[in-house]
N, C-alpha and C. Protein backbone atom coordinates (compact mmCIF):
# COMPACT_ATOMS: atom_id res chain seq x y z
N UNK A 1 0.72 -1.06 0.15
CA UNK A 1 -0.02 0.14 -0.22
C UNK A 1 0.80 1.30 -0.39
N UNK A 2 0.55 2.00 -0.75
CA UNK A 2 1.23 3.61 -0.85
C UNK A 2 0.90 4.36 -0.01
N UNK A 3 1.54 5.68 -0.16
CA UNK A 3 1.20 6.53 1.00
C UNK A 3 -0.19 7.38 0.25
N UNK A 4 0.04 7.39 -1.15
CA UNK A 4 -1.01 7.85 -2.50
C UNK A 4 -2.43 7.33 -1.48
N UNK A 5 -2.52 5.40 -1.67
CA UNK A 5 -3.69 4.66 -0.89
C UNK A 5 -4.07 5.03 0.04
N UNK A 6 -3.26 5.27 1.11
CA UNK A 6 -3.63 5.85 2.71
C UNK A 6 -4.26 7.03 2.28
N UNK A 7 -3.46 7.81 2.11
CA UNK A 7 -4.49 9.02 1.94
C UNK A 7 -6.17 9.20 1.41
N UNK A 8 -6.13 8.18 0.41
CA UNK A 8 -7.49 7.96 -0.23
C UNK A 8 -7.98 6.86 0.07
N UNK A 9 -7.98 6.34 1.61
CA UNK A 9 -8.40 5.75 2.36
C UNK A 9 -9.74 6.02 2.44
N UNK A 10 -11.04 4.90 1.44
CA UNK A 10 -12.44 5.49 1.66
C UNK A 10 -12.85 6.00 0.68
N UNK A 11 -12.09 6.77 0.19
CA UNK A 11 -12.54 7.77 -0.91
C UNK A 11 -13.32 6.92 -2.06
N UNK A 12 -14.68 7.51 -2.69
CA UNK A 12 -15.23 7.00 -3.52
C UNK A 12 -15.62 8.01 -4.45
N UNK A 13 -15.85 7.83 -5.48
CA UNK A 13 -16.61 8.94 -6.55
C UNK A 13 -17.93 8.66 -6.62
N UNK A 14 -18.59 9.17 -6.72
CA UNK A 14 -19.82 9.68 -6.57
C UNK A 14 -20.54 10.47 -7.73
N UNK A 15 -21.85 10.12 -8.31
CA UNK A 15 -22.34 11.57 -9.42
C UNK A 15 -23.50 12.02 -8.34
N UNK A 16 -23.39 13.61 -9.06
CA UNK A 16 -24.44 14.27 -8.31
C UNK A 16 -25.20 14.85 -9.65
N UNK A 17 -26.56 14.94 -9.30
CA UNK A 17 -27.19 15.87 -10.24
C UNK A 17 -27.04 17.09 -10.11
N UNK A 18 -27.45 17.95 -11.60
CA UNK A 18 -27.42 19.45 -11.02
C UNK A 18 -28.53 19.73 -11.83
N UNK A 19 -28.59 21.09 -11.13
CA UNK A 19 -29.77 21.77 -11.99
C UNK A 19 -29.43 21.85 -13.62
N UNK A 20 -30.26 22.37 -14.24
CA UNK A 20 -29.84 22.67 -16.13
C UNK A 20 -28.85 23.83 -16.11
N UNK A 21 -27.67 23.35 -16.37
CA UNK A 21 -26.56 24.57 -17.07
C UNK A 21 -26.06 24.59 -15.42
N UNK A 22 -26.06 23.95 -14.52
CA UNK A 22 -25.23 24.44 -13.34
C UNK A 22 -24.10 23.51 -12.87
N UNK A 23 -23.91 23.08 -14.20
CA UNK A 23 -22.60 21.85 -13.55
C UNK A 23 -20.94 22.68 -12.83
N UNK A 24 -20.86 23.79 -13.72
CA UNK A 24 -20.01 24.54 -13.50
C UNK A 24 -19.94 25.13 -12.73
N UNK A 25 -21.11 25.70 -12.38
CA UNK A 25 -20.90 26.82 -10.92
C UNK A 25 -21.24 26.20 -9.76
N UNK A 26 -21.58 24.47 -9.73
CA UNK A 26 -21.46 23.78 -8.76
C UNK A 26 -20.12 23.26 -8.85
N UNK A 27 -19.47 22.85 -9.29
CA UNK A 27 -18.08 22.68 -9.31
C UNK A 27 -17.36 23.38 -8.65
N UNK A 28 -17.09 25.10 -9.47
CA UNK A 28 -16.81 25.98 -8.74
C UNK A 28 -16.49 26.08 -7.11
N UNK A 29 -18.06 26.04 -6.79
CA UNK A 29 -18.41 26.23 -5.43
C UNK A 29 -17.98 25.16 -4.85
N UNK A 30 -17.65 24.03 -4.82
CA UNK A 30 -17.49 22.66 -4.09
C UNK A 30 -15.87 23.26 -4.16
N UNK A 31 -14.67 23.60 -5.21
CA UNK A 31 -13.43 23.86 -5.04
C UNK A 31 -13.00 24.49 -3.37
N UNK A 32 -13.96 25.83 -3.38
CA UNK A 32 -13.25 26.11 -1.82
C UNK A 32 -13.39 25.61 -1.07
N UNK A 33 -14.37 24.83 -0.59
CA UNK A 33 -15.01 23.70 0.02
C UNK A 33 -14.08 22.32 0.53
N UNK A 34 -13.20 22.53 -0.85
CA UNK A 34 -12.18 21.09 -0.53
C UNK A 34 -12.41 19.57 -0.54
N UNK A 35 -13.90 20.22 -1.52
CA UNK A 35 -14.58 18.68 -1.71
C UNK A 35 -13.47 18.57 -3.50
N UNK A 36 -13.06 17.43 -3.66
CA UNK A 36 -12.60 17.00 -4.28
C UNK A 36 -14.11 16.36 -5.92
N UNK A 37 -13.64 17.31 -6.79
CA UNK A 37 -14.48 16.74 -7.60
C UNK A 37 -14.49 16.36 -9.46
N UNK A 38 -14.70 16.34 -10.02
CA UNK A 38 -14.23 16.29 -11.74
C UNK A 38 -15.51 16.32 -12.22
N UNK A 39 -15.41 17.54 -13.28
CA UNK A 39 -16.75 17.53 -14.56
C UNK A 39 -15.75 17.91 -15.63
N UNK A 40 -16.26 16.52 -16.18
CA UNK A 40 -15.55 16.28 -17.56
C UNK A 40 -16.49 17.45 -18.76
N UNK A 41 -15.14 17.85 -19.09
CA UNK A 41 -15.65 18.99 -20.37
C UNK A 41 -15.58 18.79 -21.68
N UNK A 42 -15.64 19.27 -22.72
CA UNK A 42 -15.82 19.24 -24.02
C UNK A 42 -15.75 19.91 -24.83
N UNK A 43 -14.90 20.21 -25.79
CA UNK A 43 -15.15 21.62 -26.72
C UNK A 43 -15.91 21.56 -27.43
N UNK A 44 -16.84 22.66 -27.67
CA UNK A 44 -17.37 22.48 -29.10
C UNK A 44 -17.38 24.35 -29.90
N UNK A 45 -17.48 23.93 -30.92
CA UNK A 45 -17.59 25.39 -31.40
C UNK A 45 -18.96 25.65 -31.81
N UNK A 46 -19.56 26.69 -31.12
CA UNK A 46 -21.02 27.55 -31.61
C UNK A 46 -20.52 28.91 -32.64
N UNK A 47 -21.80 28.50 -33.53
CA UNK A 47 -21.66 29.89 -34.78
C UNK A 47 -22.78 30.71 -34.06
N UNK A 48 -23.05 32.02 -34.05
CA UNK A 48 -23.73 32.98 -34.02
C UNK A 48 -23.94 33.65 -35.06
N UNK A 49 -24.38 34.60 -34.94
CA UNK A 49 -24.46 35.38 -36.61
C UNK A 49 -23.60 36.27 -36.93
N UNK A 50 -22.82 36.87 -35.96
CA UNK A 50 -21.70 37.69 -35.76
C UNK A 50 -20.29 37.44 -35.62
N UNK A 51 -20.45 36.03 -34.96
CA UNK A 51 -19.41 35.36 -34.81
C UNK A 51 -19.19 34.08 -34.26
N UNK A 52 -18.21 33.10 -34.50
CA UNK A 52 -17.85 32.19 -34.07
C UNK A 52 -17.04 31.82 -32.61
N UNK A 53 -17.23 31.14 -31.97
CA UNK A 53 -16.54 31.23 -30.33
C UNK A 53 -16.33 29.72 -29.93
N UNK A 54 -15.52 29.29 -29.41
CA UNK A 54 -15.16 27.73 -28.92
C UNK A 54 -15.53 27.57 -27.61
N UNK A 55 -15.98 26.97 -27.10
CA UNK A 55 -16.84 26.71 -25.57
C UNK A 55 -16.28 25.31 -25.12
N UNK A 56 -16.20 25.30 -23.43
CA UNK A 56 -16.26 24.11 -23.06
C UNK A 56 -17.70 23.77 -22.47
N UNK A 57 -18.19 22.69 -22.74
CA UNK A 57 -19.29 22.34 -22.23
C UNK A 57 -19.38 20.93 -21.32
N UNK A 58 -20.06 20.68 -20.43
CA UNK A 58 -20.32 19.16 -19.70
C UNK A 58 -20.47 18.03 -20.73
N UNK A 59 -19.77 17.16 -20.78
CA UNK A 59 -19.45 15.98 -21.57
C UNK A 59 -20.79 15.22 -21.04
N UNK A 60 -21.01 15.40 -19.65
CA UNK A 60 -22.47 14.52 -19.48
C UNK A 60 -23.24 15.71 -18.34
N UNK A 61 -24.13 16.29 -19.39
CA UNK A 61 -25.10 17.70 -18.78
C UNK A 61 -25.86 17.19 -17.54
N UNK A 62 -25.90 17.76 -16.55
CA UNK A 62 -26.66 17.59 -16.04
C UNK A 62 -25.85 16.96 -14.34
N UNK A 63 -24.43 16.37 -14.90
CA UNK A 63 -24.28 16.19 -13.73
C UNK A 63 -22.46 16.12 -13.81
N UNK A 64 -22.15 15.57 -12.43
CA UNK A 64 -20.83 16.12 -11.93
C UNK A 64 -20.65 15.02 -10.85
N UNK A 65 -18.84 14.83 -10.64
CA UNK A 65 -18.66 14.06 -9.88
C UNK A 65 -17.77 14.26 -8.52
N UNK A 66 -18.34 13.79 -7.71
CA UNK A 66 -17.41 14.29 -6.12
C UNK A 66 -16.74 12.96 -5.54
N UNK A 67 -15.47 13.13 -5.17
CA UNK A 67 -14.98 11.79 -4.16
C UNK A 67 -14.90 12.30 -3.43
N UNK A 68 -15.26 11.77 -2.47
CA UNK A 68 -15.32 11.67 -0.68
C UNK A 68 -15.84 10.71 0.06
N UNK A 69 -15.62 10.44 1.32
CA UNK A 69 -15.80 9.19 2.15
C UNK A 69 -17.18 9.78 2.63
N UNK A 70 -18.10 8.79 2.68
CA UNK A 70 -19.59 9.09 2.80
C UNK A 70 -19.66 9.06 4.26
N UNK A 71 -18.86 8.22 4.75
CA UNK A 71 -18.98 7.82 6.50
C UNK A 71 -18.22 8.71 7.33
N UNK A 72 -17.55 9.91 6.44
CA UNK A 72 -16.66 10.73 7.45
C UNK A 72 -17.26 12.28 7.04
N UNK A 73 -17.20 12.20 5.69
CA UNK A 73 -17.74 13.81 4.82
C UNK A 73 -19.10 14.01 5.05
N UNK A 74 -19.16 14.69 5.22
CA UNK A 74 -20.58 15.46 4.96
C UNK A 74 -21.14 15.90 4.04
N UNK A 75 -22.07 14.92 3.62
CA UNK A 75 -23.12 14.84 2.58
C UNK A 75 -24.09 16.21 2.04
N UNK A 76 -23.69 16.99 3.23
CA UNK A 76 -24.27 18.11 3.69
C UNK A 76 -23.94 19.47 2.43
N UNK A 77 -22.36 19.31 2.69
CA UNK A 77 -21.72 20.23 2.03
C UNK A 77 -22.21 20.21 0.70
N UNK A 78 -21.98 19.18 -0.05
CA UNK A 78 -22.18 18.62 -1.07
C UNK A 78 -23.86 18.88 -1.74
N UNK A 79 -24.96 18.95 -1.04
CA UNK A 79 -26.34 19.35 -0.97
C UNK A 79 -26.45 20.45 -0.69
N UNK A 80 -25.81 20.84 -0.09
CA UNK A 80 -26.35 22.81 0.04
C UNK A 80 -25.61 23.61 -1.22
N UNK A 81 -24.41 22.72 -1.96
CA UNK A 81 -23.93 23.38 -2.97
C UNK A 81 -24.98 24.32 -3.91
N UNK A 82 -25.06 25.22 -3.99
CA UNK A 82 -25.95 25.85 -5.20
C UNK A 82 -26.05 25.17 -6.39
N UNK A 83 -26.82 24.80 -6.99
CA UNK A 83 -26.88 24.08 -8.40
C UNK A 83 -27.32 22.55 -8.39
N UNK A 84 -26.58 22.09 -7.11
CA UNK A 84 -26.68 20.57 -6.76
C UNK A 84 -28.17 20.42 -6.28
N UNK A 85 -28.23 19.15 -6.93
CA UNK A 85 -30.42 18.53 -6.80
C UNK A 85 -30.06 17.41 -5.75
N UNK A 86 -29.35 16.40 -5.63
CA UNK A 86 -28.91 15.16 -5.37
C UNK A 86 -27.77 14.55 -5.81
N UNK A 87 -27.79 13.26 -4.41
CA UNK A 87 -26.96 12.31 -5.37
C UNK A 87 -27.81 11.32 -6.24
N UNK A 88 -26.73 10.67 -6.95
CA UNK A 88 -27.46 9.80 -7.71
C UNK A 88 -27.24 8.13 -7.13
N UNK A 89 -28.28 7.68 -7.14
CA UNK A 89 -28.02 6.58 -6.17
C UNK A 89 -29.99 5.51 -6.01
N UNK A 90 -30.07 4.76 -4.99
CA UNK A 90 -31.39 4.36 -4.86
C UNK A 90 -31.71 4.87 -3.48
N UNK A 91 -32.69 3.58 -3.19
CA UNK A 91 -33.31 4.04 -2.10
C UNK A 91 -32.62 3.77 -0.68
N UNK A 92 -31.42 3.36 -0.72
CA UNK A 92 -30.52 3.08 0.35
C UNK A 92 -29.23 4.13 0.34
N UNK A 93 -29.47 5.13 -0.77
CA UNK A 93 -28.50 6.38 -0.43
C UNK A 93 -28.13 6.30 -1.77
N UNK A 94 -26.74 7.39 -1.85
CA UNK A 94 -25.82 7.34 -2.69
C UNK A 94 -25.05 6.21 -3.36
N UNK A 95 -25.16 6.14 -4.92
CA UNK A 95 -23.85 4.76 -5.23
C UNK A 95 -22.61 5.18 -5.39
N UNK A 96 -21.32 4.33 -5.18
CA UNK A 96 -20.42 4.80 -5.48
C UNK A 96 -20.20 4.55 -7.14
N UNK A 97 -19.14 4.60 -7.87
CA UNK A 97 -18.62 4.80 -9.32
C UNK A 97 -17.04 4.12 -9.04
N UNK A 98 -17.10 3.19 -10.05
CA UNK A 98 -15.92 2.58 -9.66
C UNK A 98 -14.91 3.50 -10.35
N UNK A 99 -13.68 3.82 -9.16
CA UNK A 99 -12.35 4.40 -9.74
C UNK A 99 -12.48 4.49 -11.45
N UNK A 100 -12.04 3.01 -11.42
CA UNK A 100 -11.44 2.54 -13.10
C UNK A 100 -12.72 3.58 -14.21
N UNK A 101 -14.17 3.64 -13.98
CA UNK A 101 -14.88 4.10 -14.89
C UNK A 101 -14.00 5.52 -14.99
N UNK A 102 -14.18 6.48 -13.81
CA UNK A 102 -13.60 7.57 -13.85
C UNK A 102 -12.40 8.28 -14.72
N UNK A 103 -11.42 7.04 -14.22
CA UNK A 103 -10.13 6.97 -15.11
C UNK A 103 -10.01 6.93 -16.70
N UNK A 104 -10.70 5.75 -16.77
CA UNK A 104 -10.69 5.46 -18.43
C UNK A 104 -11.82 7.16 -19.13
N UNK A 105 -12.42 7.78 -18.42
CA UNK A 105 -12.97 9.18 -18.96
C UNK A 105 -11.92 9.98 -19.13
N UNK A 106 -10.96 10.27 -18.11
CA UNK A 106 -10.00 11.05 -18.05
C UNK A 106 -8.93 10.90 -18.93
N UNK A 107 -8.67 9.26 -19.28
CA UNK A 107 -7.83 8.67 -20.05
C UNK A 107 -8.11 9.04 -21.44
N UNK A 108 -9.35 9.06 -21.71
CA UNK A 108 -10.59 9.23 -23.35
C UNK A 108 -10.04 10.73 -23.60
N UNK A 109 -10.40 11.95 -22.48
CA UNK A 109 -10.31 13.16 -22.57
C UNK A 109 -8.68 13.59 -22.87
N UNK A 110 -7.75 13.27 -22.53
CA UNK A 110 -6.66 13.74 -22.55
C UNK A 110 -5.92 12.98 -23.86
N UNK A 111 -6.49 11.74 -24.17
CA UNK A 111 -6.11 11.44 -25.55
C UNK A 111 -5.99 12.09 -26.67
N UNK A 112 -7.01 13.18 -26.91
CA UNK A 112 -6.77 13.68 -28.19
C UNK A 112 -8.13 12.85 -29.61
N UNK A 113 -8.31 11.96 -28.78
CA UNK A 113 -9.04 11.41 -30.39
C UNK A 113 -10.55 11.64 -30.16
N UNK A 114 -11.42 11.36 -31.14
CA UNK A 114 -12.68 11.97 -31.59
C UNK A 114 -13.67 10.81 -30.65
N UNK A 115 -14.30 11.44 -30.11
CA UNK A 115 -15.66 10.64 -29.71
C UNK A 115 -17.02 11.16 -29.59
N UNK A 116 -17.96 10.61 -29.46
CA UNK A 116 -19.57 10.87 -29.23
C UNK A 116 -20.19 10.25 -27.63
N UNK A 117 -20.60 10.80 -27.26
CA UNK A 117 -21.83 10.90 -26.11
C UNK A 117 -22.98 10.10 -26.57
N UNK A 118 -23.10 8.49 -25.98
CA UNK A 118 -24.14 8.07 -26.57
C UNK A 118 -24.95 7.45 -25.13
N UNK A 119 -26.04 7.24 -25.13
CA UNK A 119 -26.88 5.91 -24.10
C UNK A 119 -26.25 5.15 -24.15
N UNK A 120 -26.25 4.09 -23.00
CA UNK A 120 -26.21 2.91 -22.74
C UNK A 120 -27.18 1.96 -23.46
N UNK A 121 -27.13 1.34 -24.45
CA UNK A 121 -28.09 0.61 -24.79
C UNK A 121 -28.03 -1.18 -24.62
N UNK A 122 -29.31 -1.34 -24.66
CA UNK A 122 -29.06 -2.82 -24.14
C UNK A 122 -30.07 -3.64 -25.32
N UNK A 123 -29.45 -4.67 -25.81
CA UNK A 123 -30.17 -5.76 -26.56
C UNK A 123 -32.00 -5.71 -26.27
N UNK A 124 -32.51 -5.40 -27.05
CA UNK A 124 -34.42 -5.42 -26.84
C UNK A 124 -34.85 -3.86 -26.33
N UNK A 125 -34.00 -3.08 -26.42
CA UNK A 125 -34.61 -1.80 -25.78
C UNK A 125 -34.97 -1.17 -27.21
N UNK A 126 -36.28 -0.46 -27.24
CA UNK A 126 -37.02 0.47 -28.81
C UNK A 126 -36.34 1.41 -28.62
N UNK A 127 -35.37 1.46 -29.65
CA UNK A 127 -34.77 2.57 -30.22
C UNK A 127 -35.79 3.25 -31.61
N UNK A 128 -35.25 4.64 -31.67
CA UNK A 128 -35.36 5.50 -33.07
C UNK A 128 -34.09 5.82 -34.03
N UNK A 129 -34.01 5.35 -35.03
CA UNK A 129 -33.00 6.07 -35.83
C UNK A 129 -33.00 7.76 -35.78
N UNK A 130 -31.87 8.11 -35.71
CA UNK A 130 -31.63 10.13 -35.49
C UNK A 130 -31.19 10.35 -36.93
N UNK A 131 -30.12 9.58 -37.48
CA UNK A 131 -29.27 10.12 -38.85
C UNK A 131 -29.90 9.09 -39.87
N UNK A 132 -29.48 9.55 -40.84
CA UNK A 132 -29.58 9.06 -42.41
C UNK A 132 -30.63 8.86 -42.96
N UNK A 133 -30.47 7.66 -43.76
CA UNK A 133 -31.81 7.53 -44.45
C UNK A 133 -32.72 6.85 -43.87
N UNK A 134 -32.40 6.27 -42.98
CA UNK A 134 -33.80 5.92 -41.92
C UNK A 134 -34.08 6.73 -40.56
N UNK A 135 -33.59 7.49 -41.22
CA UNK A 135 -33.88 8.68 -39.64
C UNK A 135 -35.24 8.85 -39.50
N UNK A 136 -36.19 8.72 -38.04
CA UNK A 136 -37.41 8.75 -37.82
C UNK A 136 -38.20 7.21 -37.60
N UNK A 137 -37.14 5.71 -38.06
CA UNK A 137 -37.82 5.02 -37.97
C UNK A 137 -37.58 4.22 -36.62
N UNK A 138 -38.54 3.41 -35.95
CA UNK A 138 -38.37 2.76 -35.05
C UNK A 138 -38.13 1.24 -34.97
N UNK A 139 -37.83 0.68 -33.99
CA UNK A 139 -37.53 -0.48 -33.84
C UNK A 139 -36.80 -1.02 -32.76
N UNK A 140 -36.59 -2.51 -32.40
CA UNK A 140 -36.25 -2.85 -31.53
C UNK A 140 -34.89 -3.41 -31.64
N UNK A 141 -33.67 -2.89 -30.67
CA UNK A 141 -32.38 -3.23 -30.69
C UNK A 141 -31.59 -4.44 -30.74
N UNK A 142 -30.79 -5.16 -31.76
CA UNK A 142 -30.56 -6.43 -31.54
C UNK A 142 -28.75 -6.12 -31.80
N UNK A 143 -28.03 -6.85 -30.95
CA UNK A 143 -26.90 -6.75 -31.30
C UNK A 143 -25.97 -8.22 -31.26
N UNK A 144 -25.16 -8.21 -32.21
CA UNK A 144 -24.47 -9.48 -32.49
C UNK A 144 -23.00 -9.10 -32.49
N UNK A 145 -22.32 -9.27 -31.18
CA UNK A 145 -20.78 -8.75 -31.16
C UNK A 145 -20.75 -7.65 -30.95
N UNK A 146 -20.06 -6.96 -32.13
CA UNK A 146 -20.21 -5.99 -32.17
C UNK A 146 -21.11 -5.26 -32.68
N UNK A 147 -21.66 -5.71 -33.76
CA UNK A 147 -22.63 -5.32 -34.79
C UNK A 147 -23.79 -4.70 -34.27
N UNK A 148 -24.94 -3.85 -34.67
CA UNK A 148 -26.13 -3.12 -34.16
C UNK A 148 -27.00 -3.54 -35.08
N UNK A 149 -27.94 -4.23 -34.79
CA UNK A 149 -29.22 -4.32 -35.60
C UNK A 149 -29.97 -3.76 -35.10
N UNK A 150 -31.30 -3.23 -36.43
CA UNK A 150 -32.73 -2.66 -35.86
C UNK A 150 -33.82 -3.86 -36.55
N UNK A 151 -34.57 -4.00 -35.50
CA UNK A 151 -35.52 -4.94 -35.75
C UNK A 151 -37.04 -4.24 -35.93
N UNK A 152 -37.14 -4.44 -37.46
CA UNK A 152 -38.56 -3.72 -37.40
C UNK A 152 -39.52 -4.28 -37.54
N UNK A 153 -40.86 -4.66 -36.97
CA UNK A 153 -41.59 -6.01 -37.23
C UNK A 153 -43.37 -5.29 -37.18
N UNK A 154 -43.89 -6.22 -38.15
CA UNK A 154 -45.31 -5.81 -38.23
C UNK A 154 -45.63 -7.01 -37.26
N UNK A 155 -46.40 -6.83 -36.27
CA UNK A 155 -46.62 -7.55 -35.19
C UNK A 155 -47.75 -8.90 -35.54
N UNK A 156 -48.44 -7.77 -36.65
CA UNK A 156 -50.03 -8.24 -36.64
C UNK A 156 -49.71 -9.79 -37.26
N UNK A 157 -48.74 -9.74 -38.29
CA UNK A 157 -48.81 -11.03 -39.03
C UNK A 157 -47.10 -11.42 -38.37
N UNK A 158 -46.73 -11.26 -37.21
CA UNK A 158 -45.65 -11.98 -36.92
C UNK A 158 -44.44 -12.03 -37.71
N UNK A 159 -44.13 -10.74 -38.18
CA UNK A 159 -42.78 -10.78 -39.49
C UNK A 159 -41.85 -9.84 -39.14
N UNK A 160 -40.77 -9.49 -39.20
CA UNK A 160 -39.90 -8.64 -38.94
C UNK A 160 -38.53 -8.79 -40.08
N UNK A 161 -38.03 -7.39 -40.31
CA UNK A 161 -36.88 -7.73 -40.96
C UNK A 161 -35.50 -6.66 -39.92
N UNK A 162 -34.74 -6.94 -40.57
CA UNK A 162 -33.55 -6.28 -39.53
C UNK A 162 -32.64 -5.57 -40.75
N UNK A 163 -31.98 -4.27 -40.30
CA UNK A 163 -31.05 -3.83 -40.87
C UNK A 163 -30.20 -3.76 -39.84
N UNK A 164 -28.69 -3.21 -40.91
CA UNK A 164 -27.64 -2.77 -39.94
C UNK A 164 -27.51 -1.53 -39.23
N UNK A 165 -27.40 -0.90 -38.33
CA UNK A 165 -27.42 0.24 -37.77
C UNK A 165 -25.82 0.49 -37.07
N UNK A 166 -25.46 1.73 -37.38
CA UNK A 166 -24.68 2.17 -36.28
C UNK A 166 -25.27 2.45 -35.10
N UNK A 167 -24.61 2.06 -33.81
CA UNK A 167 -25.17 2.05 -32.25
C UNK A 167 -25.21 3.73 -31.97
N UNK A 168 -24.47 4.64 -33.02
CA UNK A 168 -24.43 6.11 -32.56
C UNK A 168 -25.15 6.66 -33.43
N UNK A 169 -25.96 5.93 -34.21
CA UNK A 169 -27.35 6.63 -35.20
C UNK A 169 -28.54 6.12 -34.69
N UNK A 170 -28.73 5.70 -33.24
CA UNK A 170 -29.84 5.47 -32.74
C UNK A 170 -30.22 5.94 -31.24
N UNK A 171 -31.29 6.28 -30.92
CA UNK A 171 -31.24 6.70 -29.77
C UNK A 171 -32.63 6.10 -28.87
N UNK A 172 -32.69 5.26 -27.26
CA UNK A 172 -33.43 5.21 -26.78
C UNK A 172 -34.95 5.74 -27.02
N UNK A 173 -36.24 5.13 -26.81
CA UNK A 173 -37.18 5.80 -26.89
C UNK A 173 -37.92 5.12 -25.68
N UNK A 174 -39.00 5.70 -25.33
CA UNK A 174 -39.95 5.68 -23.88
C UNK A 174 -40.70 4.56 -24.77
N UNK A 175 -41.06 3.21 -23.95
CA UNK A 175 -42.60 2.26 -24.16
C UNK A 175 -43.66 3.18 -24.02
N UNK A 176 -44.51 2.99 -25.36
CA UNK A 176 -45.58 3.58 -25.26
C UNK A 176 -46.72 2.65 -24.49
N UNK A 177 -47.59 3.54 -23.55
CA UNK A 177 -48.31 2.93 -22.52
C UNK A 177 -49.17 2.03 -23.15
N UNK A 178 -49.61 0.91 -22.99
CA UNK A 178 -50.48 -0.36 -23.79
C UNK A 178 -52.09 0.04 -23.59
């Protein structure tokens, strides 16, 4: 065990929800409180009628990551931070995020590689195509190895067709009420 491990004993990463467009303000408020945090940012080029500007926007809108020991640190500091809505978790409380997942994000952001943010899609999810010739088409996601397929069904005749799609060209849709 290194001295770094001793200092970090019990510290875990947690996600907090923020109000819309309040991620940066919440992060800057946590800084003087000594709460370790991580707000992954990406650069975007925004075009206005009179100028073009490069701006930094949160990679995951509405979320900020904090590193703390829940048994020692006061959750109240974080919850009282302007812009913070609450911790991400379940009925038993905040759920920790594995250190490796945060480190993977840091590594990708520092790599200079192109990337895009997409929701985690599971086989069987209802999805809608958002780009390309099939834009607007809805179906069920099917995965085989690294390939993604869209299943388009005619339920009345119990028949379906499949077409290969990029997982980056689909978005999840909510199931319709029966």
